[in-house]
């Protein structure tokens, strides 16, 4: 497998009005459309943590959706971290 085809893990922390507005469901839908597995989780501080694994192109597409301004609610900022995929997800879930 070529390096650019190896699965990656994107972790993105999304700040704004992103809880209670259908945001996690929307993230799950965009993730599945991009062929990714992962989770969208509400955090106690009001952010949503998005963890997605799969092809880098799919993760970059999801990150673009998060920053598109076309999300439910309102996204003020997105902080991202990239790592090797851990393979710990089955499907894409809302938590």
N, C-alpha and C. Protein backbone atom coordinates (compact mmCIF):
# COMPACT_ATOMS: atom_id res chain seq x y z
N UNK A 1 0.85 -1.18 0.00
CA UNK A 1 0.00 0.00 0.00
C UNK A 1 0.90 1.24 0.00
N UNK A 2 0.60 2.15 -0.87
CA UNK A 2 1.37 3.41 -0.91
C UNK A 2 1.03 4.26 0.30
N UNK A 3 1.98 5.09 0.71
CA UNK A 3 1.80 5.90 1.92
C UNK A 3 0.54 6.75 1.86
N UNK A 4 0.26 7.36 0.70
CA UNK A 4 -0.93 8.23 0.62
C UNK A 4 -2.24 7.45 0.70
N UNK A 5 -2.17 6.11 0.57
CA UNK A 5 -3.38 5.29 0.65
C UNK A 5 -3.59 4.70 2.04
N UNK A 6 -2.58 4.82 2.92
CA UNK A 6 -2.71 4.26 4.26
C UNK A 6 -3.78 5.02 5.03
N UNK A 7 -4.60 4.29 5.81
CA UNK A 7 -5.63 4.97 6.60
C UNK A 7 -5.01 5.91 7.62
N UNK A 8 -5.69 7.01 7.87
CA UNK A 8 -5.26 7.99 8.86
C UNK A 8 -6.39 8.23 9.85
N UNK A 9 -6.03 8.90 10.94
CA UNK A 9 -7.03 9.31 11.93
C UNK A 9 -7.01 10.83 12.02
N UNK A 10 -8.17 11.41 11.83
CA UNK A 10 -8.37 12.85 12.03
C UNK A 10 -9.13 13.03 13.34
N UNK A 11 -8.60 13.83 14.23
CA UNK A 11 -9.35 14.26 15.41
C UNK A 11 -9.55 15.76 15.27
N UNK A 12 -10.80 16.19 15.34
CA UNK A 12 -11.12 17.61 15.20
C UNK A 12 -12.01 18.03 16.36
N UNK A 13 -11.62 19.13 16.99
CA UNK A 13 -12.43 19.70 18.07
C UNK A 13 -13.13 20.92 17.50
N UNK A 14 -14.46 20.88 17.54
CA UNK A 14 -15.27 21.92 16.90
C UNK A 14 -15.93 22.77 17.99
N UNK A 15 -15.66 24.07 17.93
CA UNK A 15 -16.21 25.00 18.92
C UNK A 15 -17.24 25.90 18.24
N UNK A 16 -18.29 26.24 18.98
CA UNK A 16 -19.36 27.10 18.48
C UNK A 16 -20.67 26.64 19.06
N UNK A 17 -21.76 26.92 18.36
CA UNK A 17 -23.07 26.41 18.79
C UNK A 17 -23.29 25.10 18.03
N UNK A 18 -22.73 24.02 18.60
CA UNK A 18 -22.71 22.73 17.89
C UNK A 18 -23.35 21.60 18.69
N UNK A 19 -23.92 21.92 19.83
CA UNK A 19 -24.64 20.89 20.59
C UNK A 19 -26.13 21.21 20.59
N UNK A 20 -26.95 20.16 20.41
CA UNK A 20 -28.40 20.34 20.43
C UNK A 20 -28.97 20.89 19.15
N UNK A 21 -28.20 20.82 18.04
CA UNK A 21 -28.66 21.39 16.76
C UNK A 21 -28.57 20.38 15.61
N UNK A 22 -28.39 19.09 15.93
CA UNK A 22 -28.27 18.07 14.88
C UNK A 22 -26.87 17.96 14.29
N UNK A 23 -25.90 18.59 14.95
CA UNK A 23 -24.54 18.63 14.40
C UNK A 23 -23.91 17.25 14.33
N UNK A 24 -24.02 16.47 15.42
CA UNK A 24 -23.39 15.13 15.42
C UNK A 24 -24.01 14.24 14.35
N UNK A 25 -25.32 14.29 14.17
CA UNK A 25 -25.98 13.50 13.12
C UNK A 25 -25.45 13.91 11.75
N UNK A 26 -25.31 15.21 11.55
CA UNK A 26 -24.80 15.74 10.28
C UNK A 26 -23.37 15.27 10.03
N UNK A 27 -22.51 15.32 11.07
CA UNK A 27 -21.13 14.85 10.95
C UNK A 27 -21.10 13.37 10.59
N UNK A 28 -21.94 12.58 11.28
CA UNK A 28 -22.01 11.15 10.99
C UNK A 28 -22.36 10.92 9.52
N UNK A 29 -23.35 11.63 9.01
CA UNK A 29 -23.76 11.49 7.62
C UNK A 29 -22.63 11.85 6.66
N UNK A 30 -21.94 12.98 6.91
CA UNK A 30 -20.82 13.38 6.04
C UNK A 30 -19.67 12.36 6.13
N UNK A 31 -19.43 11.83 7.30
CA UNK A 31 -18.38 10.83 7.47
C UNK A 31 -18.67 9.56 6.68
N UNK A 32 -19.90 9.08 6.79
CA UNK A 32 -20.28 7.86 6.06
C UNK A 32 -20.22 8.09 4.56
N UNK A 33 -20.66 9.27 4.10
CA UNK A 33 -20.58 9.60 2.67
C UNK A 33 -19.15 9.59 2.17
N UNK A 34 -18.19 9.89 3.05
CA UNK A 34 -16.78 9.94 2.69
C UNK A 34 -16.06 8.62 2.91
N UNK A 35 -16.81 7.57 3.29
CA UNK A 35 -16.23 6.25 3.48
C UNK A 35 -15.42 6.12 4.75
N UNK A 36 -15.78 6.87 5.78
CA UNK A 36 -15.01 6.89 7.02
C UNK A 36 -15.72 6.15 8.13
N UNK A 37 -14.96 5.75 9.14
CA UNK A 37 -15.51 5.27 10.41
C UNK A 37 -15.12 6.27 11.47
N UNK A 38 -15.84 6.26 12.59
CA UNK A 38 -15.46 7.18 13.65
C UNK A 38 -16.60 7.49 14.59
N UNK A 39 -16.49 8.66 15.25
CA UNK A 39 -17.48 9.07 16.24
C UNK A 39 -17.51 10.59 16.33
N UNK A 40 -18.68 11.11 16.67
CA UNK A 40 -18.87 12.52 16.98
C UNK A 40 -19.43 12.58 18.39
N UNK A 41 -18.69 13.22 19.29
CA UNK A 41 -19.00 13.17 20.72
C UNK A 41 -19.14 14.57 21.30
N UNK A 42 -20.25 14.80 22.04
CA UNK A 42 -20.41 16.05 22.77
C UNK A 42 -19.43 16.07 23.95
N UNK A 43 -18.73 17.18 24.12
CA UNK A 43 -17.84 17.35 25.26
C UNK A 43 -18.50 18.27 26.28
N UNK A 44 -18.09 18.13 27.55
CA UNK A 44 -18.70 18.91 28.63
C UNK A 44 -18.51 20.41 28.47
N UNK A 45 -17.47 20.84 27.74
CA UNK A 45 -17.21 22.27 27.58
C UNK A 45 -17.96 22.89 26.41
N UNK A 46 -18.87 22.12 25.77
CA UNK A 46 -19.69 22.66 24.68
C UNK A 46 -19.16 22.36 23.30
N UNK A 47 -17.93 21.84 23.20
CA UNK A 47 -17.38 21.47 21.90
C UNK A 47 -17.89 20.09 21.49
N UNK A 48 -17.69 19.77 20.21
CA UNK A 48 -17.90 18.41 19.71
C UNK A 48 -16.55 17.90 19.24
N UNK A 49 -16.20 16.70 19.69
CA UNK A 49 -14.98 16.05 19.23
C UNK A 49 -15.36 15.08 18.11
N UNK A 50 -14.71 15.25 16.96
CA UNK A 50 -14.94 14.38 15.81
C UNK A 50 -13.68 13.56 15.60
N UNK A 51 -13.81 12.24 15.64
CA UNK A 51 -12.70 11.35 15.34
C UNK A 51 -13.11 10.53 14.13
N UNK A 52 -12.31 10.60 13.08
CA UNK A 52 -12.65 9.89 11.84
C UNK A 52 -11.42 9.15 11.34
N UNK A 53 -11.63 7.94 10.84
CA UNK A 53 -10.55 7.14 10.28
C UNK A 53 -10.91 6.67 8.89
N UNK A 54 -9.89 6.60 8.04
CA UNK A 54 -10.08 6.12 6.68
C UNK A 54 -9.05 6.76 5.76
N UNK A 55 -9.33 6.77 4.48
CA UNK A 55 -8.40 7.38 3.53
C UNK A 55 -8.21 8.86 3.84
N UNK A 56 -6.99 9.35 3.67
CA UNK A 56 -6.71 10.77 3.96
C UNK A 56 -7.63 11.69 3.18
N UNK A 57 -7.90 11.37 1.91
CA UNK A 57 -8.77 12.23 1.09
C UNK A 57 -10.15 12.34 1.72
N UNK A 58 -10.68 11.25 2.25
CA UNK A 58 -11.99 11.29 2.89
C UNK A 58 -11.97 12.12 4.16
N UNK A 59 -10.90 11.98 4.95
CA UNK A 59 -10.77 12.78 6.17
C UNK A 59 -10.64 14.26 5.84
N UNK A 60 -9.89 14.58 4.81
CA UNK A 60 -9.75 15.99 4.40
C UNK A 60 -11.09 16.54 3.91
N UNK A 61 -11.87 15.70 3.22
CA UNK A 61 -13.20 16.12 2.76
C UNK A 61 -14.08 16.44 3.97
N UNK A 62 -14.05 15.56 4.99
CA UNK A 62 -14.85 15.81 6.19
C UNK A 62 -14.40 17.08 6.89
N UNK A 63 -13.11 17.30 6.99
CA UNK A 63 -12.59 18.52 7.61
C UNK A 63 -13.08 19.75 6.83
N UNK A 64 -13.10 19.66 5.52
CA UNK A 64 -13.63 20.75 4.70
C UNK A 64 -15.10 21.02 4.98
N UNK A 65 -15.88 19.95 5.18
CA UNK A 65 -17.30 20.12 5.54
C UNK A 65 -17.43 20.84 6.88
N UNK A 66 -16.59 20.45 7.85
CA UNK A 66 -16.66 21.08 9.17
C UNK A 66 -16.38 22.57 9.10
N UNK A 67 -15.53 22.97 8.17
CA UNK A 67 -15.14 24.38 8.04
C UNK A 67 -15.92 25.13 6.97
N UNK A 68 -16.93 24.50 6.39
CA UNK A 68 -17.61 25.05 5.21
C UNK A 68 -18.56 26.21 5.51
N UNK A 69 -18.98 26.34 6.76
CA UNK A 69 -19.99 27.35 7.07
C UNK A 69 -21.40 26.87 6.74
N UNK A 70 -21.52 25.61 6.32
CA UNK A 70 -22.83 25.06 5.95
C UNK A 70 -23.25 23.94 6.91
N UNK A 71 -22.81 24.03 8.15
CA UNK A 71 -23.14 23.02 9.15
C UNK A 71 -24.40 23.42 9.90
N UNK A 72 -25.05 22.47 10.58
CA UNK A 72 -26.10 22.87 11.53
C UNK A 72 -25.47 23.69 12.65
N UNK A 73 -26.21 24.60 13.22
CA UNK A 73 -25.66 25.42 14.29
C UNK A 73 -24.69 26.44 13.73
N UNK A 74 -23.59 26.66 14.49
CA UNK A 74 -22.59 27.64 14.07
C UNK A 74 -21.21 27.15 14.53
N UNK A 75 -20.29 27.03 13.59
CA UNK A 75 -18.92 26.64 13.92
C UNK A 75 -18.07 27.90 14.02
N UNK A 76 -17.44 28.09 15.18
CA UNK A 76 -16.54 29.23 15.37
C UNK A 76 -15.09 28.87 15.07
N UNK A 77 -14.70 27.64 15.40
CA UNK A 77 -13.33 27.22 15.12
C UNK A 77 -13.24 25.70 15.08
N UNK A 78 -12.24 25.22 14.36
CA UNK A 78 -11.96 23.79 14.26
C UNK A 78 -10.46 23.61 14.47
N UNK A 79 -10.10 22.82 15.46
CA UNK A 79 -8.70 22.48 15.72
C UNK A 79 -8.53 21.02 15.33
N UNK A 80 -7.50 20.73 14.53
CA UNK A 80 -7.33 19.37 14.01
C UNK A 80 -6.02 18.76 14.48
N UNK A 81 -6.02 17.43 14.55
CA UNK A 81 -4.81 16.67 14.83
C UNK A 81 -4.84 15.43 13.94
N UNK A 82 -3.71 15.10 13.34
CA UNK A 82 -3.60 13.94 12.45
C UNK A 82 -2.74 12.87 13.11
N UNK A 83 -3.09 11.61 12.89
CA UNK A 83 -2.32 10.49 13.43
C UNK A 83 -2.55 9.27 12.54
N UNK A 84 -1.86 8.20 12.86
CA UNK A 84 -2.10 6.93 12.18
C UNK A 84 -3.43 6.37 12.66
N UNK A 85 -4.13 5.68 11.78
CA UNK A 85 -5.42 5.08 12.14
C UNK A 85 -5.20 3.98 13.17
N UNK A 86 -6.12 3.90 14.12
CA UNK A 86 -6.03 2.86 15.15
C UNK A 86 -6.90 1.66 14.84
N UNK A 87 -7.86 1.83 13.90
CA UNK A 87 -8.74 0.72 13.55
C UNK A 87 -9.72 0.33 14.63
N UNK A 88 -10.05 1.27 15.52
CA UNK A 88 -10.90 0.92 16.66
C UNK A 88 -12.38 1.19 16.44
N UNK A 89 -12.77 1.65 15.26
CA UNK A 89 -14.17 2.00 15.03
C UNK A 89 -14.83 1.02 14.07
N UNK A 90 -16.13 0.80 14.31
CA UNK A 90 -16.96 0.00 13.43
C UNK A 90 -18.16 0.86 13.09
N UNK A 91 -18.17 1.44 11.89
CA UNK A 91 -19.22 2.39 11.54
C UNK A 91 -18.89 3.78 12.04
N UNK A 92 -19.88 4.66 12.04
CA UNK A 92 -19.70 6.04 12.50
C UNK A 92 -20.82 6.32 13.47
N UNK A 93 -20.49 6.67 14.70
CA UNK A 93 -21.50 6.78 15.76
C UNK A 93 -21.56 8.19 16.34
N UNK A 94 -22.71 8.48 16.94
CA UNK A 94 -22.90 9.72 17.69
C UNK A 94 -22.84 9.34 19.17
N UNK A 95 -22.09 10.11 19.93
CA UNK A 95 -22.01 9.83 21.37
C UNK A 95 -22.40 11.06 22.16
